[in-house]
Every structure is written in C-alpha cells, then in structure tokens.
Amino acid sequence: MTVIRVPTRGVRFLLRFGLAVLLLLQLYCAAFLLPDSLLPPVRDYRSSSIFSAPAGPEVQIIEATAYCSCPICCGAFSDGRTASGSWATAGRTLAADTTLFGMGTCLAFEFGHRTVEDTGRVILGGIVDIYFDTHQEALEFGRRFISFDRC
C-alpha cells in the first residue's frame, strides 16, 4: 500500500495566503464599493459661506494651526522646502487647502501678511497652518480661530 504524504507546510501556507487574500478583497469591497447611502455624510467646507465670500474688505474667521520644519511637524524627511518649491520662511509661509486658497494667495491676519506656499495632508477645508522657525514657537501659537482678509 502506498501512502501519499501531503506537504503540511505548503498546505498551511496556501490556506493562510488564501485567507489573507479573501480578507483584503473583503476590505477593498467594503471601502470602495459601498453605495453612497451607506457612507457617513462628509462636510464640504468649500460650500460654506465663510469661504465663498469674494475678496474684499470683509473680515472672515478661520481655524489656524502652527508648524515648523522639524521631524515632529513635517516628518523625518522634511528639508524645509514647501509644496511650491520655496524654502519655508517665518513671517511669510502659510499652508492651506489649495482648492480654497490657491498657491501664492496673500492672506492678511492681525499679526501680519502670509502667502500660501505649502500644503499639508491634514490641512483640508477651513484650516490654515502658519509656519514658525522653531517648534516651541509653533507650540505656543497652538490652534485657534483668527480673523483674516485676502490681501
């Protein structure tokens, strides 16, 4: 009588691999193929009246945060360059959602003018990120609502 041996390591590997593929397929379907009625509503900041006002003397309010070019704020591979290609400079550089404020847009705050030169992965909608030279200055500024106008 001949005994057929099944390679158990290979079978276990195939079963685990198959389960992993099924799990990834299920996650993909859940994330990308759900009908819109099952997804939570998303707030569209661009339709807000605060951001749809034309440029002019009308003062508006926006949420402002602060950052510097350190690894804590910008990641381990940050070299101080902005999304526009210029060097981040305190007193000048501002990160914003470019769908609301295009690159090069000048915004006037009570503490001075800043130019949109940068973007950020969490700078979406009604948030601007103001550049400071040091991490301590950025921490001291924190997160606040400030008034602004377009220059």
C-alpha atoms as a PDB file:
ATOM      1  CA  MET A   1       0.000   0.000   0.000  1.00  0.00           C
ATOM      2  CA  THR A   2       1.325   3.413  -0.956  1.00  0.00           C
ATOM      3  CA  VAL A   3       0.974   6.306   1.440  1.00  0.00           C
ATOM      4  CA  ILE A   4       0.659   9.730  -0.089  1.00  0.00           C
ATOM      5  CA  ARG A   5       2.083  12.400   2.099  1.00  0.00           C
ATOM      6  CA  VAL A   6       0.641  15.869   1.815  1.00  0.00           C
ATOM      7  CA  PRO A   7       3.180  18.559   2.489  1.00  0.00           C
ATOM      8  CA  THR A   8       1.587  20.176   5.527  1.00  0.00           C
ATOM      9  CA  ARG A   9       3.734  23.300   5.442  1.00  0.00           C
ATOM     10  CA  GLY A  10       2.690  24.054   1.889  1.00  0.00           C
ATOM     11  CA  VAL A  11      -0.966  23.433   2.638  1.00  0.00           C
ATOM     12  CA  ARG A  12      -0.880  25.656   5.703  1.00  0.00           C
ATOM     13  CA  PHE A  13       0.817  28.385   3.719  1.00  0.00           C
ATOM     14  CA  LEU A  14      -1.772  28.189   0.941  1.00  0.00           C
ATOM     15  CA  LEU A  15      -4.639  28.286   3.417  1.00  0.00           C
ATOM     16  CA  ARG A  16      -3.194  31.313   5.214  1.00  0.00           C
ATOM     17  CA  PHE A  17      -2.410  33.052   1.947  1.00  0.00           C
ATOM     18  CA  GLY A  18      -5.911  32.354   0.640  1.00  0.00           C
ATOM     19  CA  LEU A  19      -7.494  33.711   3.809  1.00  0.00           C
ATOM     20  CA  ALA A  20      -5.335  36.839   3.632  1.00  0.00           C
ATOM     21  CA  VAL A  21      -6.364  37.420   0.011  1.00  0.00           C
ATOM     22  CA  LEU A  22     -10.043  36.952   0.909  1.00  0.00           C
ATOM     23  CA  LEU A  23      -9.705  39.393   3.807  1.00  0.00           C
ATOM     24  CA  LEU A  24      -8.044  42.017   1.607  1.00  0.00           C
ATOM     25  CA  LEU A  25     -10.714  41.550  -1.056  1.00  0.00           C
ATOM     26  CA  GLN A  26     -13.437  41.994   1.552  1.00  0.00           C
ATOM     27  CA  LEU A  27     -11.782  45.178   2.895  1.00  0.00           C
ATOM     28  CA  TYR A  28     -11.420  46.546  -0.634  1.00  0.00           C
ATOM     29  CA  CYS A  29     -15.082  45.890  -1.397  1.00  0.00           C
ATOM     30  CA  ALA A  30     -16.168  47.467   1.879  1.00  0.00           C
ATOM     31  CA  ALA A  31     -14.026  50.557   1.341  1.00  0.00           C
ATOM     32  CA  PHE A  32     -14.557  51.268  -2.363  1.00  0.00           C
ATOM     33  CA  LEU A  33     -17.747  49.576  -3.460  1.00  0.00           C
ATOM     34  CA  LEU A  34     -20.233  50.698  -0.806  1.00  0.00           C
ATOM     35  CA  PRO A  35     -23.191  52.681  -2.102  1.00  0.00           C
ATOM     36  CA  ASP A  36     -23.184  56.344  -1.052  1.00  0.00           C
ATOM     37  CA  SER A  37     -26.285  55.829   1.059  1.00  0.00           C
ATOM     38  CA  LEU A  38     -24.297  53.639   3.481  1.00  0.00           C
ATOM     39  CA  LEU A  39     -21.402  56.080   3.871  1.00  0.00           C
ATOM     40  CA  PRO A  40     -21.433  58.770   6.572  1.00  0.00           C
ATOM     41  CA  PRO A  41     -22.054  62.320   5.337  1.00  0.00           C
ATOM     42  CA  VAL A  42     -18.992  64.424   4.584  1.00  0.00           C
ATOM     43  CA  ARG A  43     -18.955  68.137   5.334  1.00  0.00           C
ATOM     44  CA  ASP A  44     -17.956  70.148   2.303  1.00  0.00           C
ATOM     45  CA  TYR A  45     -16.072  73.219   3.526  1.00  0.00           C
ATOM     46  CA  ARG A  46     -15.982  74.732   0.046  1.00  0.00           C
ATOM     47  CA  SER A  47     -19.743  75.331   0.081  1.00  0.00           C
ATOM     48  CA  SER A  48     -19.553  77.180   3.404  1.00  0.00           C
ATOM     49  CA  SER A  49     -20.445  80.865   3.274  1.00  0.00           C
ATOM     50  CA  ILE A  50     -17.233  81.740   5.138  1.00  0.00           C
ATOM     51  CA  PHE A  51     -15.100  80.592   2.226  1.00  0.00           C
ATOM     52  CA  SER A  52     -17.304  81.535  -0.694  1.00  0.00           C
ATOM     53  CA  ALA A  53     -17.116  85.265   0.016  1.00  0.00           C
ATOM     54  CA  PRO A  54     -15.292  87.280  -2.647  1.00  0.00           C
ATOM     55  CA  ALA A  55     -12.009  89.017  -1.952  1.00  0.00           C
ATOM     56  CA  GLY A  56     -12.503  92.381  -0.366  1.00  0.00           C
ATOM     57  CA  PRO A  57     -12.626  94.286   2.899  1.00  0.00           C
ATOM     58  CA  GLU A  58     -14.943  91.769   4.598  1.00  0.00           C
ATOM     59  CA  VAL A  59     -13.139  90.107   7.517  1.00  0.00           C
ATOM     60  CA  GLN A  60     -13.597  86.340   7.869  1.00  0.00           C
ATOM     61  CA  ILE A  61     -12.765  83.778  10.576  1.00  0.00           C
ATOM     62  CA  ILE A  62     -10.662  80.657  10.002  1.00  0.00           C
ATOM     63  CA  GLU A  63      -9.061  77.945  12.135  1.00  0.00           C
ATOM     64  CA  ALA A  64      -5.285  78.327  12.327  1.00  0.00           C
ATOM     65  CA  THR A  65      -2.622  75.895  13.491  1.00  0.00           C
ATOM     66  CA  ALA A  66       1.158  76.240  13.536  1.00  0.00           C
ATOM     67  CA  TYR A  67       4.088  74.182  12.262  1.00  0.00           C
ATOM     68  CA  CYS A  68       7.831  74.236  11.784  1.00  0.00           C
ATOM     69  CA  SER A  69      10.138  72.147   9.602  1.00  0.00           C
ATOM     70  CA  CYS A  70      11.113  69.707  12.367  1.00  0.00           C
ATOM     71  CA  PRO A  71      10.506  65.923  12.068  1.00  0.00           C
ATOM     72  CA  ILE A  72       7.635  66.140  14.576  1.00  0.00           C
ATOM     73  CA  CYS A  73       5.667  68.607  12.455  1.00  0.00           C
ATOM     74  CA  CYS A  74       6.699  67.615   8.930  1.00  0.00           C
ATOM     75  CA  GLY A  75       8.109  64.084   9.092  1.00  0.00           C
ATOM     76  CA  ALA A  76      11.559  62.590   9.114  1.00  0.00           C
ATOM     77  CA  PHE A  77      12.393  63.509   5.500  1.00  0.00           C
ATOM     78  CA  SER A  78      11.464  67.188   5.636  1.00  0.00           C
ATOM     79  CA  ASP A  79      14.136  69.530   4.359  1.00  0.00           C
ATOM     80  CA  GLY A  80      12.294  72.836   4.812  1.00  0.00           C
ATOM     81  CA  ARG A  81      11.015  73.127   1.239  1.00  0.00           C
ATOM     82  CA  THR A  82       7.351  73.886   0.657  1.00  0.00           C
ATOM     83  CA  ALA A  83       4.967  72.372  -1.879  1.00  0.00           C
ATOM     84  CA  SER A  84       5.590  75.404  -4.104  1.00  0.00           C
ATOM     85  CA  GLY A  85       9.338  74.683  -4.096  1.00  0.00           C
ATOM     86  CA  SER A  86      10.398  77.664  -1.995  1.00  0.00           C
ATOM     87  CA  TRP A  87      12.034  77.486   1.414  1.00  0.00           C
ATOM     88  CA  ALA A  88       9.620  77.853   4.335  1.00  0.00           C
ATOM     89  CA  THR A  89      10.144  81.229   5.969  1.00  0.00           C
ATOM     90  CA  ALA A  90       8.685  82.509   9.235  1.00  0.00           C
ATOM     91  CA  GLY A  91       6.613  85.623   8.707  1.00  0.00           C
ATOM     92  CA  ARG A  92       5.811  84.662   5.111  1.00  0.00           C
ATOM     93  CA  THR A  93       4.876  80.970   4.651  1.00  0.00           C
ATOM     94  CA  LEU A  94       1.378  79.605   5.098  1.00  0.00           C
ATOM     95  CA  ALA A  95      -0.005  76.132   4.345  1.00  0.00           C
ATOM     96  CA  ALA A  96      -3.606  75.917   3.161  1.00  0.00           C
ATOM     97  CA  ASP A  97      -6.040  73.820   1.137  1.00  0.00           C
ATOM     98  CA  THR A  98      -5.272  74.929  -2.424  1.00  0.00           C
ATOM     99  CA  THR A  99      -8.859  74.271  -3.506  1.00  0.00           C
ATOM    100  CA  LEU A 100      -9.864  77.225  -1.290  1.00  0.00           C
ATOM    101  CA  PHE A 101      -6.751  79.383  -1.444  1.00  0.00           C
ATOM    102  CA  GLY A 102      -4.519  78.921  -4.486  1.00  0.00           C
ATOM    103  CA  MET A 103      -0.742  78.911  -4.294  1.00  0.00           C
ATOM    104  CA  GLY A 104       0.511  82.463  -3.957  1.00  0.00           C
ATOM    105  CA  THR A 105      -2.687  83.790  -2.342  1.00  0.00           C
ATOM    106  CA  CYS A 106      -1.925  86.501   0.209  1.00  0.00           C
ATOM    107  CA  LEU A 107      -3.909  86.463   3.466  1.00  0.00           C
ATOM    108  CA  ALA A 108      -3.801  89.296   6.000  1.00  0.00           C
ATOM    109  CA  PHE A 109      -4.029  88.425   9.696  1.00  0.00           C
ATOM    110  CA  GLU A 110      -3.895  90.722  12.727  1.00  0.00           C
ATOM    111  CA  PHE A 111      -0.213  89.768  13.145  1.00  0.00           C
ATOM    112  CA  GLY A 112       0.811  90.292   9.502  1.00  0.00           C
ATOM    113  CA  HIS A 113       0.504  89.048   5.929  1.00  0.00           C
ATOM    114  CA  ARG A 114       1.224  85.445   4.911  1.00  0.00           C
ATOM    115  CA  THR A 115       1.401  83.812   1.470  1.00  0.00           C
ATOM    116  CA  VAL A 116       0.082  80.333   0.642  1.00  0.00           C
ATOM    117  CA  GLU A 117       3.230  78.410  -0.322  1.00  0.00           C
ATOM    118  CA  ASP A 118       2.592  75.000   1.209  1.00  0.00           C
ATOM    119  CA  THR A 119       0.007  72.262   1.603  1.00  0.00           C
ATOM    120  CA  GLY A 120      -0.361  69.505   4.159  1.00  0.00           C
ATOM    121  CA  ARG A 121      -2.060  66.138   4.366  1.00  0.00           C
ATOM    122  CA  VAL A 122      -4.283  67.331   7.237  1.00  0.00           C
ATOM    123  CA  ILE A 123      -4.678  70.910   6.040  1.00  0.00           C
ATOM    124  CA  LEU A 124      -8.062  70.477   4.378  1.00  0.00           C
ATOM    125  CA  GLY A 125     -11.037  72.779   4.222  1.00  0.00           C
ATOM    126  CA  GLY A 126     -11.188  75.691   6.614  1.00  0.00           C
ATOM    127  CA  ILE A 127      -7.784  75.287   8.261  1.00  0.00           C
ATOM    128  CA  VAL A 128      -4.538  77.149   7.613  1.00  0.00           C
ATOM    129  CA  ASP A 129      -1.144  76.198   9.025  1.00  0.00           C
ATOM    130  CA  ILE A 130       1.233  79.067   9.836  1.00  0.00           C
ATOM    131  CA  TYR A 131       4.988  78.446   9.622  1.00  0.00           C
ATOM    132  CA  PHE A 132       7.291  79.300  12.550  1.00  0.00           C
ATOM    133  CA  ASP A 133      11.081  78.951  12.844  1.00  0.00           C
ATOM    134  CA  THR A 134      11.068  76.784  15.977  1.00  0.00           C
ATOM    135  CA  HIS A 135       8.900  74.017  17.347  1.00  0.00           C
ATOM    136  CA  GLN A 136       8.473  75.943  20.610  1.00  0.00           C
ATOM    137  CA  GLU A 137       7.000  78.950  18.771  1.00  0.00           C
ATOM    138  CA  ALA A 138       4.604  76.645  16.923  1.00  0.00           C
ATOM    139  CA  LEU A 139       3.505  75.038  20.204  1.00  0.00           C
ATOM    140  CA  GLU A 140       2.965  78.454  21.791  1.00  0.00           C
ATOM    141  CA  PHE A 141       0.754  79.539  18.883  1.00  0.00           C
ATOM    142  CA  GLY A 142      -1.229  76.291  19.140  1.00  0.00           C
ATOM    143  CA  ARG A 143      -4.645  76.037  17.490  1.00  0.00           C
ATOM    144  CA  ARG A 144      -7.012  78.995  17.428  1.00  0.00           C
ATOM    145  CA  PHE A 145      -9.642  80.778  15.391  1.00  0.00           C
ATOM    146  CA  ILE A 146      -8.389  84.020  13.884  1.00  0.00           C
ATOM    147  CA  SER A 147      -9.776  86.697  11.597  1.00  0.00           C
ATOM    148  CA  PHE A 148      -8.298  87.190   8.142  1.00  0.00           C
ATOM    149  CA  ASP A 149      -8.820  89.021   4.900  1.00  0.00           C
ATOM    150  CA  ARG A 150      -7.432  88.459   1.430  1.00  0.00           C
ATOM    151  CA  CYS A 151      -4.654  90.902   0.508  1.00  0.00           C
END
